[in-house]
Amino acid sequence: MDKSRAQDINQLFLEYRRTFESGDAEQVADFYRFPLHYYGETGAKAAVERPEFEDLVRRLLAFYRRLGVAQIVGAVTDTVELNERSAQVTLNWILLRDGDGGREEVYSATTRYLVSEFEDALKIDGLIAVDESRRIRDALRRR
């Protein structure tokens, strides 16, 4: 993968993280190409349309607010170029909240994305999801 493409992918996810932190589901959805191809941990897959995706993001953001998430840190840990226009990108996400001694981790998760060039822009075309519900439940219990 050339350096320029890697920088573009890193920039995409930097902007994505910032937008996710802002809490606007519609703006988060702007980073995706629909229908989004969604692959779950159970092996299930689905083509998700934008309105359904926005609802999922709204629910996730509501949980983040309940958990007191103040910051999301995301780091690209791996990128596999699939072809000239597509790559599989792995990110480690760490959710942080304000604690007595500064920021403390709520939980972390690793997620994989299919990123494709579409109409001269990078878009997230596929999401290989991690079920965060157990992590969220555990974090809510610890609160």
C-alpha atoms as a PDB file:
ATOM      1  CA  MET A   1       0.000   0.000   0.000  1.00  0.00           C
ATOM      2  CA  ASP A   2       1.422   3.356  -0.915  1.00  0.00           C
ATOM      3  CA  LYS A   3       2.033   5.955   1.771  1.00  0.00           C
ATOM      4  CA  SER A   4      -0.607   8.326   0.406  1.00  0.00           C
ATOM      5  CA  ARG A   5      -3.377   5.692   0.656  1.00  0.00           C
ATOM      6  CA  ALA A   6      -2.348   4.817   4.225  1.00  0.00           C
ATOM      7  CA  GLN A   7      -2.477   8.517   5.168  1.00  0.00           C
ATOM      8  CA  ASP A   8      -5.914   8.861   3.562  1.00  0.00           C
ATOM      9  CA  ILE A   9      -7.201   5.882   5.580  1.00  0.00           C
ATOM     10  CA  ASN A  10      -5.749   7.253   8.811  1.00  0.00           C
ATOM     11  CA  GLN A  11      -7.326  10.654   8.088  1.00  0.00           C
ATOM     12  CA  LEU A  12     -10.690   9.035   7.359  1.00  0.00           C
ATOM     13  CA  PHE A  13     -10.737   7.311  10.738  1.00  0.00           C
ATOM     14  CA  LEU A  14      -9.463  10.376  12.579  1.00  0.00           C
ATOM     15  CA  GLU A  15     -12.383  12.380  11.196  1.00  0.00           C
ATOM     16  CA  TYR A  16     -14.738   9.451  11.836  1.00  0.00           C
ATOM     17  CA  ARG A  17     -13.661   9.269  15.497  1.00  0.00           C
ATOM     18  CA  ARG A  18     -14.123  13.014  15.962  1.00  0.00           C
ATOM     19  CA  THR A  19     -17.565  12.857  14.409  1.00  0.00           C
ATOM     20  CA  PHE A  20     -18.518   9.875  16.565  1.00  0.00           C
ATOM     21  CA  GLU A  21     -17.436  11.808  19.658  1.00  0.00           C
ATOM     22  CA  SER A  22     -19.680  14.698  18.607  1.00  0.00           C
ATOM     23  CA  GLY A  23     -22.683  12.401  19.014  1.00  0.00           C
ATOM     24  CA  ASP A  24     -24.413  13.038  15.685  1.00  0.00           C
ATOM     25  CA  ALA A  25     -25.637   9.748  14.155  1.00  0.00           C
ATOM     26  CA  GLU A  26     -26.458  11.340  10.804  1.00  0.00           C
ATOM     27  CA  GLN A  27     -22.933  12.732  10.442  1.00  0.00           C
ATOM     28  CA  VAL A  28     -21.467   9.368  11.471  1.00  0.00           C
ATOM     29  CA  ALA A  29     -23.522   7.733   8.711  1.00  0.00           C
ATOM     30  CA  ASP A  30     -21.956  10.097   6.152  1.00  0.00           C
ATOM     31  CA  PHE A  31     -18.737   8.051   6.422  1.00  0.00           C
ATOM     32  CA  TYR A  32     -20.515   4.935   5.131  1.00  0.00           C
ATOM     33  CA  ARG A  33     -21.660   3.706   1.750  1.00  0.00           C
ATOM     34  CA  PHE A  34     -25.146   2.197   1.808  1.00  0.00           C
ATOM     35  CA  PRO A  35     -26.342  -0.410   1.829  1.00  0.00           C
ATOM     36  CA  LEU A  36     -23.667  -1.163   4.408  1.00  0.00           C
ATOM     37  CA  HIS A  37     -22.507  -4.771   4.469  1.00  0.00           C
ATOM     38  CA  TYR A  38     -22.557  -5.764   8.125  1.00  0.00           C
ATOM     39  CA  TYR A  39     -20.938  -8.957   9.387  1.00  0.00           C
ATOM     40  CA  GLY A  40     -21.702 -10.011  12.952  1.00  0.00           C
ATOM     41  CA  GLU A  41     -19.757 -12.187  15.361  1.00  0.00           C
ATOM     42  CA  THR A  42     -22.322 -14.962  15.022  1.00  0.00           C
ATOM     43  CA  GLY A  43     -21.570 -15.300  11.319  1.00  0.00           C
ATOM     44  CA  ALA A  44     -24.729 -13.443  10.342  1.00  0.00           C
ATOM     45  CA  LYS A  45     -24.516 -10.826   7.643  1.00  0.00           C
ATOM     46  CA  ALA A  46     -26.891  -8.136   6.525  1.00  0.00           C
ATOM     47  CA  ALA A  47     -27.222  -5.253   4.123  1.00  0.00           C
ATOM     48  CA  VAL A  48     -28.104  -2.313   6.361  1.00  0.00           C
ATOM     49  CA  GLU A  49     -29.719   0.821   4.964  1.00  0.00           C
ATOM     50  CA  ARG A  50     -28.922   4.287   6.259  1.00  0.00           C
ATOM     51  CA  PRO A  51     -32.026   4.882   8.451  1.00  0.00           C
ATOM     52  CA  GLU A  52     -31.516   1.567  10.259  1.00  0.00           C
ATOM     53  CA  PHE A  53     -27.822   2.295  10.707  1.00  0.00           C
ATOM     54  CA  GLU A  54     -28.527   5.757  12.128  1.00  0.00           C
ATOM     55  CA  ASP A  55     -30.887   4.162  14.667  1.00  0.00           C
ATOM     56  CA  LEU A  56     -28.167   1.686  15.686  1.00  0.00           C
ATOM     57  CA  VAL A  57     -25.665   4.516  16.110  1.00  0.00           C
ATOM     58  CA  ARG A  58     -28.157   6.566  18.160  1.00  0.00           C
ATOM     59  CA  ARG A  59     -28.668   3.623  20.534  1.00  0.00           C
ATOM     60  CA  LEU A  60     -24.923   3.063  20.841  1.00  0.00           C
ATOM     61  CA  LEU A  61     -24.336   6.763  21.524  1.00  0.00           C
ATOM     62  CA  ALA A  62     -27.048   6.695  24.220  1.00  0.00           C
ATOM     63  CA  PHE A  63     -25.163   3.878  25.962  1.00  0.00           C
ATOM     64  CA  TYR A  64     -21.937   5.852  25.667  1.00  0.00           C
ATOM     65  CA  ARG A  65     -23.624   8.830  27.369  1.00  0.00           C
ATOM     66  CA  ARG A  66     -24.893   6.563  30.178  1.00  0.00           C
ATOM     67  CA  LEU A  67     -21.332   5.274  30.615  1.00  0.00           C
ATOM     68  CA  GLY A  68     -19.973   8.822  30.737  1.00  0.00           C
ATOM     69  CA  VAL A  69     -17.727   8.365  27.700  1.00  0.00           C
ATOM     70  CA  ALA A  70     -15.789  11.606  27.315  1.00  0.00           C
ATOM     71  CA  GLN A  71     -13.314  10.550  24.647  1.00  0.00           C
ATOM     72  CA  ILE A  72     -12.852   7.832  22.066  1.00  0.00           C
ATOM     73  CA  VAL A  73      -9.332   6.919  21.030  1.00  0.00           C
ATOM     74  CA  GLY A  74      -8.957   4.968  17.812  1.00  0.00           C
ATOM     75  CA  ALA A  75      -5.779   3.574  16.332  1.00  0.00           C
ATOM     76  CA  VAL A  76      -5.385   1.816  13.010  1.00  0.00           C
ATOM     77  CA  THR A  77      -3.515  -1.361  13.908  1.00  0.00           C
ATOM     78  CA  ASP A  78      -3.500  -3.088  10.519  1.00  0.00           C
ATOM     79  CA  THR A  79      -4.363  -2.363   6.911  1.00  0.00           C
ATOM     80  CA  VAL A  80      -4.566  -5.024   4.210  1.00  0.00           C
ATOM     81  CA  GLU A  81      -4.843  -3.756   0.678  1.00  0.00           C
ATOM     82  CA  LEU A  82      -7.390  -5.928  -1.110  1.00  0.00           C
ATOM     83  CA  ASN A  83      -7.169  -4.259  -4.500  1.00  0.00           C
ATOM     84  CA  GLU A  84      -6.517  -0.851  -6.016  1.00  0.00           C
ATOM     85  CA  ARG A  85      -9.661   0.643  -4.465  1.00  0.00           C
ATOM     86  CA  SER A  86     -10.331  -1.418  -1.313  1.00  0.00           C
ATOM     87  CA  ALA A  87      -8.650  -2.261   1.954  1.00  0.00           C
ATOM     88  CA  GLN A  88      -9.517  -4.082   5.157  1.00  0.00           C
ATOM     89  CA  VAL A  89      -8.677  -1.840   8.092  1.00  0.00           C
ATOM     90  CA  THR A  90      -8.422  -2.961  11.718  1.00  0.00           C
ATOM     91  CA  LEU A  91      -8.906  -0.419  14.481  1.00  0.00           C
ATOM     92  CA  ASN A  92      -8.583  -0.667  18.215  1.00  0.00           C
ATOM     93  CA  TRP A  93     -11.089   1.624  19.906  1.00  0.00           C
ATOM     94  CA  ILE A  94     -10.684   2.693  23.527  1.00  0.00           C
ATOM     95  CA  LEU A  95     -13.549   4.483  25.265  1.00  0.00           C
ATOM     96  CA  LEU A  96     -12.506   6.798  28.085  1.00  0.00           C
ATOM     97  CA  ARG A  97     -14.413   8.627  30.806  1.00  0.00           C
ATOM     98  CA  ASP A  98     -13.360  11.189  33.360  1.00  0.00           C
ATOM     99  CA  GLY A  99     -12.285   9.611  36.630  1.00  0.00           C
ATOM    100  CA  ASP A 100     -10.765  10.779  39.879  1.00  0.00           C
ATOM    101  CA  GLY A 101      -7.218  10.547  38.539  1.00  0.00           C
ATOM    102  CA  GLY A 102      -7.956  11.753  35.018  1.00  0.00           C
ATOM    103  CA  ARG A 103      -9.255   9.750  32.069  1.00  0.00           C
ATOM    104  CA  GLU A 104      -9.899   6.052  32.675  1.00  0.00           C
ATOM    105  CA  GLU A 105     -10.779   3.277  30.276  1.00  0.00           C
ATOM    106  CA  VAL A 106     -14.410   2.212  30.069  1.00  0.00           C
ATOM    107  CA  TYR A 107     -13.605  -0.619  27.656  1.00  0.00           C
ATOM    108  CA  SER A 108     -11.860  -1.316  24.374  1.00  0.00           C
ATOM    109  CA  ALA A 109     -12.857  -3.190  21.236  1.00  0.00           C
ATOM    110  CA  THR A 110     -11.231  -4.149  17.963  1.00  0.00           C
ATOM    111  CA  THR A 111     -13.300  -3.620  14.835  1.00  0.00           C
ATOM    112  CA  ARG A 112     -12.560  -4.319  11.178  1.00  0.00           C
ATOM    113  CA  TYR A 113     -13.837  -2.284   8.274  1.00  0.00           C
ATOM    114  CA  LEU A 114     -13.887  -2.640   4.517  1.00  0.00           C
ATOM    115  CA  VAL A 115     -12.912   0.759   3.138  1.00  0.00           C
ATOM    116  CA  SER A 116     -13.463   1.454  -0.547  1.00  0.00           C
ATOM    117  CA  GLU A 117     -12.911   4.358  -2.865  1.00  0.00           C
ATOM    118  CA  PHE A 118     -16.309   5.444  -4.131  1.00  0.00           C
ATOM    119  CA  GLU A 119     -16.957   8.528  -6.263  1.00  0.00           C
ATOM    120  CA  ASP A 120     -13.410   9.788  -5.540  1.00  0.00           C
ATOM    121  CA  ALA A 121     -13.801   9.499  -1.755  1.00  0.00           C
ATOM    122  CA  LEU A 122     -13.053   6.813   0.787  1.00  0.00           C
ATOM    123  CA  LYS A 123     -16.167   5.318   2.362  1.00  0.00           C
ATOM    124  CA  ILE A 124     -16.707   2.532   4.852  1.00  0.00           C
ATOM    125  CA  ASP A 125     -18.400  -0.145   2.780  1.00  0.00           C
ATOM    126  CA  GLY A 126     -18.398  -3.049   5.204  1.00  0.00           C
ATOM    127  CA  LEU A 127     -18.303  -3.472   8.960  1.00  0.00           C
ATOM    128  CA  ILE A 128     -17.043  -6.643  10.589  1.00  0.00           C
ATOM    129  CA  ALA A 129     -18.581  -5.925  13.946  1.00  0.00           C
ATOM    130  CA  VAL A 130     -17.716  -6.846  17.480  1.00  0.00           C
ATOM    131  CA  ASP A 131     -20.662  -7.324  19.798  1.00  0.00           C
ATOM    132  CA  GLU A 132     -20.128  -4.586  22.365  1.00  0.00           C
ATOM    133  CA  SER A 133     -23.234  -5.438  24.396  1.00  0.00           C
ATOM    134  CA  ARG A 134     -21.325  -7.582  26.923  1.00  0.00           C
ATOM    135  CA  ARG A 135     -18.692  -4.884  27.345  1.00  0.00           C
ATOM    136  CA  ILE A 136     -21.389  -2.234  27.782  1.00  0.00           C
ATOM    137  CA  ARG A 137     -23.282  -4.328  30.365  1.00  0.00           C
ATOM    138  CA  ASP A 138     -20.060  -4.979  32.301  1.00  0.00           C
ATOM    139  CA  ALA A 139     -19.160  -1.271  32.225  1.00  0.00           C
ATOM    140  CA  LEU A 140     -22.658  -0.283  33.414  1.00  0.00           C
ATOM    141  CA  ARG A 141     -22.376  -2.723  36.325  1.00  0.00           C
ATOM    142  CA  ARG A 142     -19.011  -1.265  37.328  1.00  0.00           C
ATOM    143  CA  ARG A 143     -20.422   2.268  37.399  1.00  0.00           C
END
